[in-house]
Amino acid sequence: MELLERKSDPSLSRHSRAHPTNESEQWSSLSTSGERTSTVGLIGEYHTLRTAQAGRDGQPADTQSSSTALNTEPSDSGEFKLPDLPSLLVVVLGNALAQVTFFIIVSSASAYADHLRGSATFSGLTIGIPTVFAGLALIPMVRNDQGCYSKALKASYVSMIIGNILYALAYRANWLYLILIGRIIAGFGFTSFMYSKRYCSDPRIVGIRRRTTLASCLVLGQGFGFSAGPFLGGLLFRIGFRNPVFNGYTSPGWVMAGTWILFGLASTWLFKEVAKPHRAPERYIPSIQVRTATVVESTDDSESTSPTQANFQLEEAEVGDTISSLTLRRWGVIITMMWYAMTCFFVLGAWESNIPVYSAVAFHYTPYNAGNFIALGGITAFPFLMLNVWYSRRVQDRTILALGASLGCCGILIMLATLYADRVTFGSFYICWALVALGFNLASTCTLSLLSKQLPSNWNGWTSLAIQYSNYTGRVTGAIWGGAGVSVGMKNYLWVQVAIAGIGVLMHMTLWRELKAKTG
């Protein structure tokens, strides 16, 4: 598309200066002694380009053109858009099922490892190790997914099936490390966590005012997973099924392998792939960039400059679309969200892997009892997480984050106080766990959705990756730390959590004004 070339009209230039329009006021008027900006032609080009871009993005032209030049998001009607409902259900339910797979072994992992002559720390490793290998697999997967989801999700389903079968076969083979191998292969399936988050914040299919709402749906599945998973694992352990193939140790692996086979078949039929992102030719302008054309004219208004003599200079005014353009405080927001993403899963993972070990010492709980206790905390938090799906449309992300972090920290501090007073009871332990489960699940809602609202839309893939790596770091280190909690001392175990959460709270308070974003 060529820029409209027209001779400069002195009367038009004087009229434009006397009566500036709203659009022309958004552009820099580069008027030194010998230069004047051809505003009319420039606005006409921008309107035409936005109309063409609207056609490529599948948005109505009038909707796109109503956005200002510096606006990086769609208009109000696009801010509330949602993806295809069956596909969204596949993503949300798949996320919940992956959470169940992650947590179903929590209640019996310690006993399973002990049966095969492993330690409690080894059981914590089997809980947390999948996320290490999920992180290793993400980079090559993201490089080859072309912005799509179907192939990556199918690959994760296959990994889940194979990994859970190997986990179950470790008993028959009487080989401790087959548990670890099975969980490592299942770990490649946990790459679906990142794809679920990216899908629910993808600007191609989700409006800016619906990203926190969909993130709340994912957290609801997360709450279901860490409630139903340990309960189901403990129940299967209690029933026992006394045979060398399907028993209390191996049944979680067999049940999840069968569930993933059925779910994978259903998702093949229901999931609708997202259109590949359009890579525009270089001459087209991304929505976060503005081109200005300056025509160098003669200082003598009586002598017009011909088009062949005009010197067009194209300059791009970039609106925060490169890393170098980010301010220190914007970097602070990114680092704060990554820290919170790590903190939430570090604390949750630590408690979930520590409860079976600590409760066996303090209350003589069996894996079945420990699984029920973990599920009880999750069930207590579940109604509040459901309310969050509704209220997240009306409450700012930074407020949800502050509330969640405060509740979680209260749970940790109360547990510390009862340990120092030597008055740990079922009631106090339950209240602490319920506060931790509710608080840090609630806080994890906002980490990616807030960044997706503040950063350009074409950064969504990289921000999803950064948040997911932070989640993985928290999951694996938290699970190992929780398994070693009794060995290192419960007070030391909890003080580390206080320190990590405290750093996040300090950053949150410092950057409170910068964390403001649209609701929904």
Protein backbone atom coordinates (compact mmCIF):
# COMPACT_ATOMS: atom_id res chain seq x y z
CA MET A 1 0.00 0.00 0.00
CA GLU A 2 1.55 3.26 -1.06
CA LEU A 3 1.28 6.46 0.94
CA LEU A 4 -1.03 8.95 -0.77
CA GLU A 5 1.13 11.55 -2.43
CA ARG A 6 -0.31 14.97 -2.70
CA LYS A 7 0.94 18.50 -3.15
CA SER A 8 1.01 20.65 -0.08
CA ASP A 9 -1.72 23.24 0.06
CA PRO A 10 -0.77 26.27 2.18
CA SER A 11 -4.38 27.11 2.92
CA LEU A 12 -5.01 23.50 4.06
CA SER A 13 -1.95 23.68 6.31
CA ARG A 14 -3.19 26.91 7.88
CA HIS A 15 -6.66 25.43 8.33
CA SER A 16 -5.23 22.33 10.00
CA ARG A 17 -3.24 24.45 12.42
CA ALA A 18 -6.25 26.59 13.23
CA HIS A 19 -8.65 23.68 13.71
CA PRO A 20 -6.79 20.58 14.93
CA THR A 21 -8.76 17.33 15.14
CA ASN A 22 -8.51 14.76 17.93
CA GLU A 23 -6.67 12.35 15.69
CA SER A 24 -4.14 14.87 14.49
CA GLU A 25 -3.36 15.84 18.08
CA GLN A 26 -2.02 12.32 18.69
CA TRP A 27 0.75 12.81 16.18
CA SER A 28 3.94 14.78 16.63
CA SER A 29 3.96 17.87 14.45
CA LEU A 30 7.54 18.05 13.30
CA SER A 31 7.50 21.70 12.23
CA THR A 32 10.95 23.15 12.28
CA SER A 33 11.79 26.03 9.95
CA GLY A 34 11.56 23.94 6.78
CA GLU A 35 9.26 21.04 7.70
CA ARG A 36 5.50 20.50 8.06
CA THR A 37 3.66 17.22 8.68
CA SER A 38 1.14 16.06 6.11
CA THR A 39 -1.47 15.19 8.73
CA VAL A 40 -4.44 14.51 6.47
CA GLY A 41 -2.62 11.98 4.33
CA LEU A 42 -1.08 10.39 7.40
CA ILE A 43 -4.41 9.85 9.17
CA GLY A 44 -5.89 8.50 5.98
CA GLU A 45 -3.08 5.93 5.71
CA TYR A 46 -3.43 4.90 9.36
CA HIS A 47 -7.21 4.46 9.01
CA THR A 48 -6.72 2.34 5.89
CA LEU A 49 -4.06 0.20 7.54
CA ARG A 50 -6.22 -0.37 10.64
CA THR A 51 -9.11 -1.38 8.39
CA ALA A 52 -6.90 -3.86 6.54
CA GLN A 53 -5.56 -5.22 9.82
CA ALA A 54 -9.10 -5.61 11.11
CA GLY A 55 -9.92 -7.80 8.13
CA ARG A 56 -6.89 -9.98 8.79
CA ASP A 57 -7.67 -10.34 12.51
CA GLY A 58 -11.30 -11.22 11.88
CA GLN A 59 -12.58 -8.08 13.66
CA PRO A 60 -15.12 -5.63 12.19
CA ALA A 61 -13.41 -2.72 10.57
CA ASP A 62 -15.44 -0.10 12.41
CA THR A 63 -14.56 -1.73 15.73
CA GLN A 64 -10.84 -1.70 15.01
CA SER A 65 -10.72 1.81 13.59
CA SER A 66 -12.37 3.25 16.67
CA SER A 67 -9.26 2.48 18.72
CA THR A 68 -6.77 5.25 19.14
CA ALA A 69 -3.34 5.08 17.59
CA LEU A 70 -1.66 4.27 20.88
CA ASN A 71 -4.19 1.66 22.03
CA THR A 72 -2.81 -1.87 22.08
CA GLU A 73 -6.13 -3.62 22.89
CA PRO A 74 -9.35 -4.07 20.96
CA SER A 75 -12.34 -1.85 21.49
CA ASP A 76 -14.90 -2.40 24.24
CA SER A 77 -16.79 -5.08 22.32
CA GLY A 78 -13.52 -7.03 21.87
CA GLU A 79 -12.57 -6.67 25.52
CA PHE A 80 -15.26 -9.17 26.54
CA LYS A 81 -14.75 -11.84 23.88
CA LEU A 82 -14.47 -15.51 24.87
CA PRO A 83 -13.15 -18.57 23.02
CA ASP A 84 -15.20 -21.43 21.58
CA LEU A 85 -17.07 -23.03 24.52
CA PRO A 86 -16.28 -26.75 23.85
CA SER A 87 -12.62 -25.89 23.35
CA LEU A 88 -12.58 -23.83 26.53
CA LEU A 89 -14.12 -26.74 28.44
CA VAL A 90 -11.41 -29.07 27.11
CA VAL A 91 -8.70 -26.68 28.31
CA VAL A 92 -10.24 -26.05 31.74
CA LEU A 93 -11.15 -29.71 32.40
CA GLY A 94 -7.76 -30.87 31.09
CA ASN A 95 -6.07 -28.47 33.50
CA ALA A 96 -8.17 -29.86 36.40
CA LEU A 97 -7.35 -33.44 35.37
CA ALA A 98 -3.63 -32.62 35.20
CA GLN A 99 -3.86 -31.17 38.71
CA VAL A 100 -5.49 -34.40 39.93
CA THR A 101 -2.69 -36.39 38.26
CA PHE A 102 -0.08 -34.25 39.98
CA PHE A 103 -1.63 -34.61 43.45
CA ILE A 104 -3.17 -38.08 43.44
CA ILE A 105 0.10 -39.69 44.58
CA VAL A 106 0.68 -37.20 47.43
CA SER A 107 -1.10 -39.23 50.11
CA SER A 108 0.55 -42.56 49.25
CA ALA A 109 3.92 -41.53 47.73
CA SER A 110 5.74 -41.75 51.06
CA ALA A 111 4.40 -45.26 51.78
CA TYR A 112 5.08 -46.41 48.19
CA ALA A 113 8.68 -45.16 48.36
CA ASP A 114 9.13 -46.75 51.80
CA HIS A 115 7.84 -50.09 50.47
CA LEU A 116 10.50 -49.97 47.75
CA ARG A 117 13.15 -48.91 50.31
CA GLY A 118 13.13 -45.19 49.55
CA SER A 119 13.16 -42.21 51.93
CA ALA A 120 10.60 -39.48 52.63
CA THR A 121 12.80 -37.01 50.75
CA PHE A 122 12.73 -39.35 47.75
CA SER A 123 8.92 -39.34 47.88
CA GLY A 124 9.01 -35.53 47.82
CA LEU A 125 11.28 -35.75 44.78
CA THR A 126 8.78 -37.99 42.97
CA ILE A 127 6.07 -35.41 43.63
CA GLY A 128 8.09 -32.44 42.41
CA ILE A 129 10.38 -33.88 39.69
CA PRO A 130 7.79 -33.81 36.85
CA THR A 131 7.88 -30.04 36.69
CA VAL A 132 11.65 -30.02 36.06
CA PHE A 133 11.22 -32.05 32.90
CA ALA A 134 8.11 -30.13 31.90
CA GLY A 135 10.28 -27.02 32.00
CA LEU A 136 12.96 -28.67 29.85
CA ALA A 137 10.35 -29.69 27.28
CA LEU A 138 8.64 -26.30 27.03
CA ILE A 139 11.27 -24.40 25.04
CA PRO A 140 11.39 -26.80 22.05
CA MET A 141 7.61 -27.20 22.15
CA VAL A 142 6.98 -23.45 22.09
CA ARG A 143 9.44 -23.00 19.24
CA ASN A 144 7.55 -25.49 17.10
CA ASP A 145 3.91 -25.00 18.06
CA GLN A 146 3.40 -22.05 15.64
CA GLY A 147 1.10 -20.36 18.15
CA CYS A 148 -1.31 -23.32 18.13
CA TYR A 149 -2.44 -25.75 20.84
CA SER A 150 -3.76 -29.04 19.44
CA LYS A 151 -0.48 -30.89 18.88
CA ALA A 152 1.01 -29.79 22.20
CA LEU A 153 -2.08 -30.89 24.14
CA LYS A 154 -2.17 -34.29 22.41
CA ALA A 155 1.51 -34.82 23.18
CA SER A 156 0.86 -34.04 26.84
CA TYR A 157 -2.01 -36.56 26.98
CA VAL A 158 0.19 -39.32 25.55
CA SER A 159 2.93 -38.53 28.08
CA MET A 160 0.42 -38.70 30.92
CA ILE A 161 -0.76 -42.14 29.82
CA ILE A 162 2.74 -43.65 29.48
CA GLY A 163 4.06 -42.03 32.66
CA ASN A 164 1.20 -43.23 34.86
CA ILE A 165 1.49 -46.79 33.52
CA LEU A 166 5.22 -46.88 34.35
CA TYR A 167 4.51 -45.47 37.83
CA ALA A 168 2.08 -48.32 38.42
CA LEU A 169 4.47 -51.00 37.11
CA ALA A 170 7.19 -50.07 39.64
CA TYR A 171 5.54 -52.29 42.28
CA ARG A 172 5.52 -55.37 40.05
CA ALA A 173 9.11 -54.69 38.92
CA ASN A 174 10.15 -54.02 42.54
CA TRP A 175 12.33 -51.15 41.31
CA LEU A 176 12.25 -47.85 43.19
CA TYR A 177 13.54 -45.72 40.34
CA LEU A 178 10.75 -46.79 38.00
CA ILE A 179 8.49 -44.55 40.12
CA LEU A 180 10.79 -41.66 39.28
CA ILE A 181 10.99 -42.58 35.58
CA GLY A 182 7.20 -42.77 35.34
CA ARG A 183 6.80 -39.38 36.99
CA ILE A 184 9.46 -37.86 34.71
CA ILE A 185 7.61 -39.01 31.59
CA ALA A 186 4.33 -37.78 33.06
CA GLY A 187 6.16 -34.51 33.63
CA PHE A 188 6.33 -33.90 29.89
CA GLY A 189 2.53 -33.94 30.05
CA PHE A 190 2.52 -31.14 32.60
CA THR A 191 3.56 -28.75 29.83
CA SER A 192 -0.23 -28.49 29.40
CA PHE A 193 -0.24 -26.14 32.43
CA MET A 194 1.50 -23.47 30.37
CA TYR A 195 -0.72 -24.02 27.33
CA SER A 196 -3.82 -23.73 29.50
CA LYS A 197 -2.63 -20.40 30.89
CA ARG A 198 -1.64 -19.13 27.46
CA TYR A 199 -4.98 -20.16 25.96
CA CYS A 200 -6.90 -18.26 28.66
CA SER A 201 -4.95 -15.06 28.02
CA ASP A 202 -4.52 -15.35 24.25
CA PRO A 203 -5.55 -11.95 22.75
CA ARG A 204 -6.74 -13.70 19.58
CA ILE A 205 -9.62 -15.35 21.44
CA VAL A 206 -9.89 -13.76 24.92
CA GLY A 207 -10.70 -10.11 25.60
CA ILE A 208 -8.74 -8.12 28.16
CA ARG A 209 -11.72 -8.02 30.55
CA ARG A 210 -12.15 -11.77 30.59
CA ARG A 211 -8.58 -12.94 31.26
CA THR A 212 -8.70 -12.86 35.05
CA THR A 213 -12.11 -14.57 34.93
CA LEU A 214 -10.73 -17.46 32.87
CA ALA A 215 -7.62 -17.59 35.07
CA SER A 216 -10.00 -17.98 38.03
CA CYS A 217 -11.57 -20.97 36.25
CA LEU A 218 -8.11 -22.53 35.95
CA VAL A 219 -7.47 -21.91 39.66
CA LEU A 220 -10.84 -23.51 40.41
CA GLY A 221 -9.57 -26.62 38.60
CA GLN A 222 -6.36 -26.29 40.60
CA GLY A 223 -8.40 -26.29 43.82
CA PHE A 224 -10.35 -29.30 42.63
CA GLY A 225 -7.12 -31.11 41.79
CA PHE A 226 -5.44 -30.70 45.15
CA SER A 227 -8.69 -31.64 46.92
CA ALA A 228 -9.87 -34.58 44.83
CA GLY A 229 -6.37 -35.88 44.03
CA PRO A 230 -5.13 -36.64 47.57
CA PHE A 231 -8.60 -37.85 48.63
CA LEU A 232 -8.85 -40.26 45.70
CA GLY A 233 -5.27 -41.45 46.24
CA GLY A 234 -5.93 -42.03 49.94
CA LEU A 235 -9.20 -43.83 49.18
CA LEU A 236 -7.54 -46.15 46.68
CA PHE A 237 -4.78 -46.86 49.21
CA ARG A 238 -7.39 -47.63 51.88
CA ILE A 239 -9.31 -50.07 49.65
CA GLY A 240 -6.07 -51.78 48.75
CA PHE A 241 -7.07 -54.20 45.94
CA ARG A 242 -4.62 -56.79 47.18
CA ASN A 243 -2.97 -58.12 44.05
CA PRO A 244 0.51 -57.56 42.59
CA VAL A 245 -0.70 -55.39 39.70
CA PHE A 246 -3.63 -53.28 40.94
CA ASN A 247 -3.27 -52.39 44.62
CA GLY A 248 -3.19 -49.40 46.96
CA TYR A 249 0.21 -48.26 45.69
CA THR A 250 -0.33 -48.77 41.96
CA SER A 251 -4.05 -47.99 41.54
CA PRO A 252 -3.54 -44.17 41.23
CA GLY A 253 -1.33 -44.77 38.18
CA TRP A 254 -3.77 -47.19 36.52
CA VAL A 255 -6.82 -45.01 37.21
CA MET A 256 -5.21 -41.87 35.81
CA ALA A 257 -3.87 -43.68 32.73
CA GLY A 258 -7.38 -44.91 31.89
CA THR A 259 -8.89 -41.48 32.54
CA TRP A 260 -6.40 -39.78 30.22
CA ILE A 261 -7.13 -42.25 27.42
CA LEU A 262 -10.84 -41.40 27.56
CA PHE A 263 -10.22 -37.67 27.90
CA GLY A 264 -7.74 -37.62 25.01
CA LEU A 265 -10.27 -39.27 22.70
CA ALA A 266 -12.99 -36.80 23.71
CA SER A 267 -10.73 -33.77 23.26
CA THR A 268 -9.83 -34.84 19.72
CA TRP A 269 -13.48 -34.48 18.82
CA LEU A 270 -14.30 -31.34 20.84
CA PHE A 271 -11.25 -29.08 20.61
CA LYS A 272 -11.21 -26.46 17.87
CA GLU A 273 -7.77 -25.19 16.95
CA VAL A 274 -7.03 -21.47 17.15
CA ALA A 275 -6.08 -19.84 13.84
CA LYS A 276 -2.35 -19.38 13.43
CA PRO A 277 -1.14 -15.85 14.23
CA HIS A 278 -0.91 -13.79 11.05
CA ARG A 279 2.59 -12.67 10.22
CA ALA A 280 2.00 -9.44 8.37
CA PRO A 281 4.35 -8.23 5.63
CA GLU A 282 6.86 -5.63 6.77
CA ARG A 283 4.91 -2.79 5.16
CA TYR A 284 1.94 -3.38 7.46
CA ILE A 285 2.07 -1.73 10.84
CA PRO A 286 1.56 -3.73 14.04
CA SER A 287 -1.13 -2.33 16.32
CA ILE A 288 1.46 -1.21 18.85
CA GLN A 289 3.38 0.92 16.38
CA VAL A 290 2.61 4.22 14.68
CA ARG A 291 4.23 5.39 11.48
CA THR A 292 4.61 9.09 10.89
CA ALA A 293 5.46 10.51 7.50
CA THR A 294 7.16 13.89 7.32
CA VAL A 295 7.20 15.81 4.05
CA VAL A 296 10.06 18.27 3.68
CA GLU A 297 8.70 21.31 1.87
CA SER A 298 10.08 24.57 0.60
CA THR A 299 9.89 27.49 2.99
CA ASP A 300 8.36 29.49 0.16
CA ASP A 301 4.61 28.72 0.27
CA SER A 302 4.13 29.97 -3.28
CA GLU A 303 6.29 27.19 -4.68
CA SER A 304 4.91 23.73 -4.12
CA THR A 305 7.22 20.79 -3.79
CA SER A 306 6.51 18.08 -6.36
CA PRO A 307 6.04 14.46 -5.24
CA THR A 308 9.32 13.48 -6.84
CA GLN A 309 11.14 16.14 -4.85
CA ALA A 310 9.44 15.29 -1.54
CA ASN A 311 11.61 13.55 0.98
CA PHE A 312 9.55 11.07 3.00
CA GLN A 313 11.00 10.09 6.32
CA LEU A 314 9.34 7.19 8.13
CA GLU A 315 9.72 6.98 11.84
CA GLU A 316 8.25 4.41 14.18
CA ALA A 317 6.98 5.57 17.52
CA GLU A 318 7.15 2.43 19.58
CA VAL A 319 4.82 2.04 22.51
CA GLY A 320 6.66 -0.29 24.88
CA ASP A 321 7.01 -3.15 22.38
CA THR A 322 10.70 -3.84 22.95
CA ILE A 323 12.57 -4.96 26.07
CA SER A 324 14.81 -1.89 25.99
CA SER A 325 11.74 0.38 26.17
CA LEU A 326 10.61 -1.05 29.53
CA THR A 327 11.06 1.22 32.53
CA LEU A 328 12.55 0.02 35.82
CA ARG A 329 9.14 0.00 37.47
CA ARG A 330 7.66 -2.04 34.60
CA TRP A 331 10.48 -4.53 35.10
CA GLY A 332 9.56 -4.48 38.76
CA VAL A 333 5.99 -5.50 37.93
CA ILE A 334 7.22 -8.40 35.77
CA ILE A 335 9.63 -9.63 38.44
CA THR A 336 6.97 -9.29 41.15
CA MET A 337 4.49 -11.43 39.21
CA MET A 338 7.15 -14.06 38.52
CA TRP A 339 8.11 -14.10 42.21
CA TYR A 340 4.50 -14.52 43.28
CA ALA A 341 4.00 -17.29 40.70
CA MET A 342 6.94 -19.13 42.25
CA THR A 343 5.92 -18.38 45.84
CA CYS A 344 2.34 -19.63 45.50
CA PHE A 345 3.38 -23.04 44.22
CA PHE A 346 6.39 -23.30 46.51
CA VAL A 347 4.21 -22.91 49.61
CA LEU A 348 1.35 -25.09 48.31
CA GLY A 349 3.75 -27.80 47.13
CA ALA A 350 5.64 -27.73 50.43
CA TRP A 351 2.50 -28.16 52.52
CA GLU A 352 1.02 -30.88 50.31
CA SER A 353 4.17 -33.01 50.44
CA ASN A 354 4.81 -32.26 54.12
CA ILE A 355 1.35 -33.06 55.50
CA PRO A 356 1.59 -36.88 55.00
CA VAL A 357 5.06 -36.94 56.58
CA TYR A 358 4.39 -34.54 59.48
CA SER A 359 0.90 -35.89 60.29
CA ALA A 360 2.29 -39.45 60.49
CA VAL A 361 4.66 -38.25 63.23
CA ALA A 362 2.37 -35.80 65.04
CA PHE A 363 -1.01 -37.54 64.72
CA HIS A 364 -0.08 -41.06 63.55
CA TYR A 365 -2.05 -40.56 60.32
CA THR A 366 -2.13 -43.21 57.63
CA PRO A 367 -1.87 -42.13 53.97
CA TYR A 368 -5.67 -42.38 53.81
CA ASN A 369 -6.06 -39.98 56.76
CA ALA A 370 -3.45 -37.62 55.33
CA GLY A 371 -5.20 -37.60 51.96
CA ASN A 372 -8.49 -36.77 53.63
CA PHE A 373 -6.88 -33.97 55.62
CA ILE A 374 -5.38 -32.39 52.47
CA ALA A 375 -8.73 -32.73 50.71
CA LEU A 376 -10.53 -31.13 53.66
CA GLY A 377 -8.45 -27.96 53.32
CA GLY A 378 -9.11 -27.89 49.58
CA ILE A 379 -12.86 -28.40 50.07
CA THR A 380 -12.92 -25.51 52.55
CA ALA A 381 -11.22 -23.23 50.00
CA PHE A 382 -13.30 -24.40 47.03
CA PRO A 383 -16.47 -22.28 47.62
CA PHE A 384 -14.36 -19.14 47.97
CA LEU A 385 -12.52 -19.94 44.74
CA MET A 386 -15.91 -20.29 43.03
CA LEU A 387 -16.89 -16.85 44.34
CA ASN A 388 -13.63 -15.52 42.96
CA VAL A 389 -14.70 -16.53 39.44
CA TRP A 390 -17.61 -14.11 39.79
CA TYR A 391 -15.99 -11.28 41.75
CA SER A 392 -12.81 -11.24 39.65
CA ARG A 393 -14.85 -9.33 37.05
CA ARG A 394 -15.28 -6.47 39.50
CA VAL A 395 -12.13 -6.50 41.66
CA GLN A 396 -8.69 -5.43 40.52
CA ASP A 397 -5.96 -8.05 40.19
CA ARG A 398 -3.67 -6.30 42.67
CA THR A 399 -6.42 -6.44 45.33
CA ILE A 400 -7.02 -10.16 44.79
CA LEU A 401 -3.27 -10.73 44.99
CA ALA A 402 -2.98 -8.77 48.24
CA LEU A 403 -5.93 -10.62 49.83
CA GLY A 404 -4.60 -14.04 48.83
CA ALA A 405 -1.06 -13.37 50.01
CA SER A 406 -2.34 -11.99 53.33
CA LEU A 407 -4.50 -15.04 54.03
CA GLY A 408 -1.69 -17.45 53.13
CA CYS A 409 0.86 -15.65 55.30
CA CYS A 410 -1.59 -15.68 58.22
CA GLY A 411 -1.83 -19.48 57.92
CA ILE A 412 1.97 -19.89 58.00
CA LEU A 413 2.39 -17.53 60.97
CA ILE A 414 -0.37 -19.22 62.99
CA MET A 415 1.29 -22.58 62.39
CA LEU A 416 4.60 -21.15 63.59
CA ALA A 417 2.96 -19.78 66.73
CA THR A 418 1.38 -23.15 67.60
CA LEU A 419 4.73 -24.91 67.09
CA TYR A 420 6.51 -22.47 69.42
CA ALA A 421 3.70 -22.89 71.97
CA ASP A 422 3.78 -26.68 71.47
CA ARG A 423 0.01 -26.71 70.98
CA VAL A 424 -0.48 -28.20 67.54
CA THR A 425 -3.92 -29.81 67.43
CA PHE A 426 -6.12 -31.07 64.64
CA GLY A 427 -8.14 -27.85 64.76
CA SER A 428 -5.19 -25.47 64.61
CA PHE A 429 -3.46 -27.53 61.90
CA TYR A 430 -6.65 -27.59 59.84
CA ILE A 431 -7.20 -23.81 60.11
CA CYS A 432 -3.60 -23.13 59.05
CA TRP A 433 -3.82 -25.46 56.07
CA ALA A 434 -7.18 -24.04 54.97
CA LEU A 435 -5.81 -20.47 55.08
CA VAL A 436 -2.69 -21.46 53.14
CA ALA A 437 -4.71 -23.40 50.55
CA LEU A 438 -7.21 -20.58 50.03
CA GLY A 439 -4.73 -17.72 50.13
CA PHE A 440 -2.06 -18.92 47.75
CA ASN A 441 -4.53 -20.45 45.30
CA LEU A 442 -6.32 -17.11 45.23
CA ALA A 443 -3.07 -15.21 44.72
CA SER A 444 -2.04 -17.47 41.82
CA THR A 445 -5.09 -16.26 39.87
CA CYS A 446 -3.58 -12.92 38.94
CA THR A 447 0.05 -13.49 38.02
CA LEU A 448 -0.35 -14.03 34.26
CA SER A 449 -3.62 -12.16 33.73
CA LEU A 450 -2.18 -8.95 35.19
CA LEU A 451 0.89 -9.08 32.96
CA SER A 452 -1.23 -9.82 29.88
CA LYS A 453 -3.19 -6.62 30.56
CA GLN A 454 -0.13 -4.41 31.00
CA LEU A 455 2.16 -5.70 28.26
CA PRO A 456 1.62 -5.74 24.48
CA SER A 457 -0.53 -8.57 23.14
CA ASN A 458 2.29 -10.09 21.10
CA TRP A 459 4.22 -10.71 24.34
CA ASN A 460 1.63 -13.21 25.60
CA GLY A 461 3.62 -16.29 24.60
CA TRP A 462 6.75 -15.17 26.41
CA THR A 463 4.95 -13.95 29.53
CA SER A 464 3.08 -17.28 29.72
CA LEU A 465 6.42 -19.06 29.51
CA ALA A 466 8.00 -16.88 32.21
CA ILE A 467 5.09 -17.39 34.63
CA GLN A 468 4.99 -21.13 33.99
CA TYR A 469 8.72 -21.53 34.63
CA SER A 470 8.19 -19.67 37.90
CA ASN A 471 5.35 -22.08 38.75
CA TYR A 472 7.56 -25.07 37.93
CA THR A 473 10.39 -23.72 40.08
CA GLY A 474 8.02 -23.35 43.00
CA ARG A 475 6.45 -26.77 42.52
CA VAL A 476 9.66 -28.77 42.45
CA THR A 477 11.52 -26.89 45.19
CA GLY A 478 8.41 -26.76 47.37
CA ALA A 479 7.72 -30.49 47.06
CA ILE A 480 11.31 -31.38 47.95
CA TRP A 481 11.40 -28.88 50.82
CA GLY A 482 8.11 -30.18 52.18
CA GLY A 483 9.31 -33.79 52.09
CA ALA A 484 12.38 -32.75 54.08
CA GLY A 485 10.39 -30.55 56.50
CA VAL A 486 10.47 -32.96 59.45
CA SER A 487 14.17 -33.70 58.90
CA VAL A 488 15.26 -30.04 58.85
CA GLY A 489 12.85 -29.06 61.63
CA MET A 490 9.32 -27.76 61.19
CA LYS A 491 10.17 -24.28 62.45
CA ASN A 492 12.99 -23.87 59.94
CA TYR A 493 10.71 -25.29 57.27
CA LEU A 494 8.10 -22.60 57.98
CA TRP A 495 10.54 -19.67 58.42
CA VAL A 496 11.82 -20.23 54.88
CA GLN A 497 8.24 -19.85 53.64
CA VAL A 498 7.80 -16.66 55.65
CA ALA A 499 10.95 -15.20 54.10
CA ILE A 500 9.95 -16.06 50.53
CA ALA A 501 6.37 -14.80 50.94
CA GLY A 502 7.64 -11.68 52.74
CA ILE A 503 9.81 -10.68 49.78
CA GLY A 504 6.74 -10.87 47.54
CA VAL A 505 4.65 -8.76 49.93
CA LEU A 506 7.41 -6.12 50.09
CA MET A 507 7.59 -5.86 46.28
CA HIS A 508 3.79 -5.75 46.11
CA MET A 509 3.60 -2.81 48.51
CA THR A 510 6.40 -0.94 46.75
CA LEU A 511 4.81 -1.29 43.30
CA TRP A 512 1.15 -0.98 44.34
CA ARG A 513 0.37 1.88 41.93
CA GLU A 514 2.12 0.19 39.01
CA LEU A 515 0.07 -3.02 39.52
CA LYS A 516 -3.17 -1.30 38.54
CA ALA A 517 -4.92 -2.96 35.57
CA LYS A 518 -8.39 -3.35 34.09
CA THR A 519 -10.82 -5.59 35.97
CA GLY A 520 -12.30 -8.78 34.54
